Amino acid sequence: MSVNDELASAQRALDEVLRYVKRLEQQLGSGGLEMRRVRMDADRLRESLALLKEGSSPAAPKKPQLVPIPDTPYDNTLWTDSDDEGLGARDRRAP
């Protein structure tokens, strides 16, 4: 099976789970802690599956784009007002 077929199958199974959760809520009420947890877990699964579908679309990039970092030294003016971590400012004494 392809990834799309697997996702569609998972969506159908999740839809069925959501139907059963709704039936259980009607029978047991939705006020109990256990029922609220089951509802939240089912909703989280639905959201996670939707994210998985978005990530598996052909338009989504497979690898993160690499950003080249040059080997040349940074400009020293970037650090003129900075403090040395753990040492404090240059013109003041540490407490």
C-alpha atoms as a PDB file:
ATOM      1  CA  MET A   1       0.000   0.000   0.000  1.00  0.00           C
ATOM      2  CA  SER A   2       1.124   3.535  -0.694  1.00  0.00           C
ATOM      3  CA  VAL A   3       1.450   6.193   1.982  1.00  0.00           C
ATOM      4  CA  ASN A   4      -1.746   7.860   0.782  1.00  0.00           C
ATOM      5  CA  ASP A   5      -3.621   4.563   1.059  1.00  0.00           C
ATOM      6  CA  GLU A   6      -2.278   4.033   4.566  1.00  0.00           C
ATOM      7  CA  LEU A   7      -3.272   7.561   5.602  1.00  0.00           C
ATOM      8  CA  ALA A   8      -6.750   7.103   4.160  1.00  0.00           C
ATOM      9  CA  SER A   9      -7.111   3.810   6.025  1.00  0.00           C
ATOM     10  CA  ALA A  10      -5.951   5.438   9.247  1.00  0.00           C
ATOM     11  CA  GLN A  11      -8.439   8.281   8.705  1.00  0.00           C
ATOM     12  CA  ARG A  12     -11.317   5.807   8.244  1.00  0.00           C
ATOM     13  CA  ALA A  13     -10.317   3.944  11.417  1.00  0.00           C
ATOM     14  CA  LEU A  14     -10.051   7.203  13.341  1.00  0.00           C
ATOM     15  CA  ASP A  15     -13.466   8.319  12.081  1.00  0.00           C
ATOM     16  CA  GLU A  16     -14.876   5.074  13.442  1.00  0.00           C
ATOM     17  CA  VAL A  17     -13.153   5.616  16.791  1.00  0.00           C
ATOM     18  CA  LEU A  18     -14.617   9.118  16.951  1.00  0.00           C
ATOM     19  CA  ARG A  19     -18.098   7.733  16.285  1.00  0.00           C
ATOM     20  CA  TYR A  20     -17.691   5.269  19.169  1.00  0.00           C
ATOM     21  CA  VAL A  21     -16.404   7.997  21.450  1.00  0.00           C
ATOM     22  CA  LYS A  22     -19.465  10.084  20.621  1.00  0.00           C
ATOM     23  CA  ARG A  23     -21.750   7.146  21.423  1.00  0.00           C
ATOM     24  CA  LEU A  24     -19.960   6.568  24.720  1.00  0.00           C
ATOM     25  CA  GLU A  25     -20.373  10.241  25.590  1.00  0.00           C
ATOM     26  CA  GLN A  26     -24.099   9.962  24.973  1.00  0.00           C
ATOM     27  CA  GLN A  27     -24.357   6.907  27.232  1.00  0.00           C
ATOM     28  CA  LEU A  28     -21.926   7.867  29.994  1.00  0.00           C
ATOM     29  CA  GLY A  29     -22.063  11.640  29.844  1.00  0.00           C
ATOM     30  CA  SER A  30     -19.169  13.902  28.985  1.00  0.00           C
ATOM     31  CA  GLY A  31     -18.536  15.284  32.472  1.00  0.00           C
ATOM     32  CA  GLY A  32     -16.334  12.537  33.859  1.00  0.00           C
ATOM     33  CA  LEU A  33     -12.569  12.823  33.879  1.00  0.00           C
ATOM     34  CA  GLU A  34     -12.116   9.548  32.015  1.00  0.00           C
ATOM     35  CA  MET A  35     -14.523  10.527  29.244  1.00  0.00           C
ATOM     36  CA  ARG A  36     -12.924  13.946  28.842  1.00  0.00           C
ATOM     37  CA  ARG A  37      -9.520  12.270  28.550  1.00  0.00           C
ATOM     38  CA  VAL A  38     -10.765   9.874  25.875  1.00  0.00           C
ATOM     39  CA  ARG A  39     -12.316  12.785  23.946  1.00  0.00           C
ATOM     40  CA  MET A  40      -9.113  14.851  24.187  1.00  0.00           C
ATOM     41  CA  ASP A  41      -6.979  11.886  23.092  1.00  0.00           C
ATOM     42  CA  ALA A  42      -9.241  11.229  20.105  1.00  0.00           C
ATOM     43  CA  ASP A  43      -9.138  14.912  19.124  1.00  0.00           C
ATOM     44  CA  ARG A  44      -5.349  14.939  19.461  1.00  0.00           C
ATOM     45  CA  LEU A  45      -5.129  11.888  17.195  1.00  0.00           C
ATOM     46  CA  ARG A  46      -7.275  13.664  14.611  1.00  0.00           C
ATOM     47  CA  GLU A  47      -4.994  16.721  14.706  1.00  0.00           C
ATOM     48  CA  SER A  48      -1.856  14.580  14.536  1.00  0.00           C
ATOM     49  CA  LEU A  49      -3.153  12.661  11.540  1.00  0.00           C
ATOM     50  CA  ALA A  50      -3.986  15.921   9.777  1.00  0.00           C
ATOM     51  CA  LEU A  51      -0.432  17.154  10.385  1.00  0.00           C
ATOM     52  CA  LEU A  52       0.932  13.868   9.104  1.00  0.00           C
ATOM     53  CA  LYS A  53      -1.129  14.220   5.926  1.00  0.00           C
ATOM     54  CA  GLU A  54       0.214  17.747   5.384  1.00  0.00           C
ATOM     55  CA  GLY A  55       3.782  16.580   5.883  1.00  0.00           C
ATOM     56  CA  SER A  56       3.459  13.708   3.448  1.00  0.00           C
ATOM     57  CA  SER A  57       2.142  15.762   0.543  1.00  0.00           C
ATOM     58  CA  PRO A  58       4.443  15.959  -2.485  1.00  0.00           C
ATOM     59  CA  ALA A  59       4.652  19.751  -2.150  1.00  0.00           C
ATOM     60  CA  ALA A  60       6.221  19.450   1.299  1.00  0.00           C
ATOM     61  CA  PRO A  61      10.016  19.499   1.309  1.00  0.00           C
ATOM     62  CA  LYS A  62      11.595  16.187   2.265  1.00  0.00           C
ATOM     63  CA  LYS A  63      14.769  17.686   3.743  1.00  0.00           C
ATOM     64  CA  PRO A  64      15.310  20.972   5.531  1.00  0.00           C
ATOM     65  CA  GLN A  65      17.037  23.569   3.430  1.00  0.00           C
ATOM     66  CA  LEU A  66      20.659  24.072   4.457  1.00  0.00           C
ATOM     67  CA  VAL A  67      21.887  27.581   5.158  1.00  0.00           C
ATOM     68  CA  PRO A  68      25.566  28.103   4.369  1.00  0.00           C
ATOM     69  CA  ILE A  69      27.617  29.750   7.124  1.00  0.00           C
ATOM     70  CA  PRO A  70      30.783  31.441   5.890  1.00  0.00           C
ATOM     71  CA  ASP A  71      34.142  30.659   7.480  1.00  0.00           C
ATOM     72  CA  THR A  72      35.162  34.309   7.469  1.00  0.00           C
ATOM     73  CA  PRO A  73      35.370  36.004  10.900  1.00  0.00           C
ATOM     74  CA  TYR A  74      32.455  38.088  12.114  1.00  0.00           C
ATOM     75  CA  ASP A  75      32.659  41.850  12.104  1.00  0.00           C
ATOM     76  CA  ASN A  76      33.962  43.008  15.525  1.00  0.00           C
ATOM     77  CA  THR A  77      31.475  45.887  15.603  1.00  0.00           C
ATOM     78  CA  LEU A  78      28.745  43.319  16.259  1.00  0.00           C
ATOM     79  CA  TRP A  79      30.130  42.823  19.773  1.00  0.00           C
ATOM     80  CA  THR A  80      30.786  46.421  20.871  1.00  0.00           C
ATOM     81  CA  ASP A  81      27.976  46.653  23.463  1.00  0.00           C
ATOM     82  CA  SER A  82      27.891  43.002  24.464  1.00  0.00           C
ATOM     83  CA  ASP A  83      28.678  41.536  27.882  1.00  0.00           C
ATOM     84  CA  ASP A  84      30.884  38.533  28.407  1.00  0.00           C
ATOM     85  CA  GLU A  85      28.636  35.756  29.654  1.00  0.00           C
ATOM     86  CA  GLY A  86      29.216  35.153  33.340  1.00  0.00           C
ATOM     87  CA  LEU A  87      31.693  38.032  33.645  1.00  0.00           C
ATOM     88  CA  GLY A  88      29.430  41.043  33.307  1.00  0.00           C
ATOM     89  CA  ALA A  89      30.160  44.266  31.491  1.00  0.00           C
ATOM     90  CA  ARG A  90      33.762  45.150  30.636  1.00  0.00           C
ATOM     91  CA  ASP A  91      33.789  48.528  32.350  1.00  0.00           C
ATOM     92  CA  ARG A  92      32.253  47.263  35.626  1.00  0.00           C
ATOM     93  CA  ARG A  93      33.385  44.860  38.301  1.00  0.00           C
ATOM     94  CA  ALA A  94      31.579  41.608  38.920  1.00  0.00           C
ATOM     95  CA  PRO A  95      29.634  41.497  42.216  1.00  0.00           C
END
